[in-house]
């Protein structure tokens, strides 16, 4: 069971990032499932691109 306060870790894989709840050894990867972002145990990690933005 996850909690809203669980840490999230970003792994730089070169051309994309993997996002994990906790870490790769003990956590769950972020995936897109049915149009929603979810952390799913045992799933193949999603490949995400991050964009820098400036907030006014």
Protein backbone atom coordinates (compact mmCIF):
# COMPACT_ATOMS: atom_id res chain seq x y z
CA UNK A 1 0.00 0.00 0.00
CA UNK A 2 1.37 3.40 -0.88
CA UNK A 3 1.05 6.62 0.98
CA UNK A 4 0.75 10.12 -0.45
CA UNK A 5 4.02 11.01 1.27
CA UNK A 6 6.12 8.27 -0.39
CA UNK A 7 9.30 9.55 -2.03
CA UNK A 8 9.58 9.65 -5.82
CA UNK A 9 12.93 9.06 -7.58
CA UNK A 10 13.79 10.15 -11.14
CA UNK A 11 16.34 8.02 -13.02
CA UNK A 12 18.10 9.65 -15.99
CA UNK A 13 18.27 6.96 -18.67
CA UNK A 14 19.82 9.23 -21.32
CA UNK A 15 17.05 10.00 -23.81
CA UNK A 16 14.26 9.51 -21.23
CA UNK A 17 13.56 9.28 -17.48
CA UNK A 18 12.08 6.51 -15.39
CA UNK A 19 10.05 7.62 -12.38
CA UNK A 20 9.80 5.32 -9.39
CA UNK A 21 7.93 5.45 -6.12
CA UNK A 22 10.73 5.00 -3.57
CA UNK A 23 13.57 3.47 -5.66
CA UNK A 24 14.26 0.73 -8.21
CA UNK A 25 15.03 -1.91 -5.56
CA UNK A 26 12.04 -1.43 -3.27
CA UNK A 27 9.59 0.69 -5.24
CA UNK A 28 7.11 0.66 -8.08
CA UNK A 29 7.57 2.25 -11.53
CA UNK A 30 5.28 4.94 -12.91
CA UNK A 31 3.30 3.81 -15.96
CA UNK A 32 0.40 5.07 -18.04
CA UNK A 33 -2.57 2.74 -17.62
CA UNK A 34 -5.99 3.47 -19.13
CA UNK A 35 -4.95 7.11 -19.65
CA UNK A 36 -3.91 7.57 -16.01
CA UNK A 37 -0.52 7.74 -14.31
CA UNK A 38 -0.08 4.90 -11.82
CA UNK A 39 2.71 3.32 -9.78
CA UNK A 40 2.44 -0.45 -10.44
CA UNK A 41 4.52 -3.20 -8.83
CA UNK A 42 6.23 -5.47 -11.37
CA UNK A 43 5.32 -3.31 -14.39
CA UNK A 44 7.72 -2.27 -17.12
CA UNK A 45 8.70 1.34 -16.32
CA UNK A 46 7.29 4.07 -18.53
CA UNK A 47 9.65 6.31 -20.50
CA UNK A 48 9.08 9.98 -19.72
CA UNK A 49 10.55 13.19 -21.12
CA UNK A 50 10.80 16.16 -18.79
CA UNK A 51 10.46 19.70 -20.00
CA UNK A 52 11.97 22.70 -18.26
CA UNK A 53 9.46 25.48 -17.73
CA UNK A 54 9.41 28.88 -16.14
CA UNK A 55 6.62 29.85 -13.78
CA UNK A 56 5.49 33.47 -13.75
